[in-house]
Structures are given as structure tokens and as C-alpha cells.
Amino acid sequence: MSVGATLPDGPHERVIEYVAPFATASREDGYRVAWAFFEGGER
């Protein structure tokens, strides 16, 4: 919950929810791609 006091009416409480616009990535696949790149296998 966040309380904002920047409005002329006084403080207002609100809930801010952040939703990722993407699916969670596989960490193992990410490491595989990174290792291939740094070893020169994928450029």
C-alpha cells in the first residue's frame, strides 16, 4: 500500500500492483545460452 500526499485533497491510500508482461524464463536455459555465447559458440 502506498500513501500519496501530493494531491490538493490531502493524503490518499492506494494499492499499486506490478504485473510482469512476460513469462518467467528458465534459468537453466539462460545459463546454457550465456555459456555458449561466452565460449564463442553463438555470436
Protein backbone atom coordinates (compact mmCIF):
# COMPACT_ATOMS: atom_id res chain seq x y z
CA MET A 1 0.00 0.00 0.00
CA SER A 2 1.21 3.48 -0.81
CA VAL A 3 0.13 6.77 0.72
CA GLY A 4 0.47 9.75 -1.59
CA ALA A 5 0.29 13.25 -0.14
CA THR A 6 0.86 15.17 -3.36
CA LEU A 7 -2.79 15.82 -4.22
CA PRO A 8 -4.55 19.02 -3.13
CA ASP A 9 -7.29 16.97 -1.36
CA GLY A 10 -4.75 15.54 1.12
CA PRO A 11 -3.25 12.07 1.53
CA HIS A 12 -4.76 9.18 -0.46
CA GLU A 13 -4.10 5.48 0.07
CA ARG A 14 -3.80 3.21 -2.93
CA VAL A 15 -2.56 -0.25 -3.79
CA ILE A 16 -0.08 -0.44 -6.65
CA GLU A 17 0.32 -3.87 -8.22
CA TYR A 18 3.10 -4.55 -10.71
CA VAL A 19 2.48 -7.37 -13.18
CA ALA A 20 5.27 -8.56 -15.43
CA PRO A 21 4.31 -8.59 -19.13
CA PHE A 22 6.35 -11.72 -19.80
CA ALA A 23 6.59 -15.35 -18.75
CA THR A 24 9.30 -16.32 -16.31
CA ALA A 25 12.38 -17.56 -18.09
CA SER A 26 14.13 -20.83 -17.37
CA ARG A 27 17.34 -20.07 -15.52
CA GLU A 28 18.98 -23.26 -16.85
CA ASP A 29 18.22 -22.29 -20.46
CA GLY A 30 19.56 -18.79 -19.80
CA TYR A 31 22.84 -20.17 -18.43
CA ARG A 32 23.12 -22.51 -21.42
CA VAL A 33 22.74 -19.60 -23.86
CA ALA A 34 25.18 -17.42 -21.90
CA TRP A 35 27.87 -20.11 -21.72
CA ALA A 36 27.53 -20.78 -25.46
CA PHE A 37 27.94 -17.06 -26.17
CA PHE A 38 30.98 -16.58 -23.93
CA GLU A 39 32.66 -19.71 -25.26
CA GLY A 40 32.24 -18.34 -28.80
CA GLY A 41 29.70 -20.94 -29.91
CA GLU A 42 26.90 -18.46 -30.59
CA ARG A 43 27.54 -15.00 -32.00
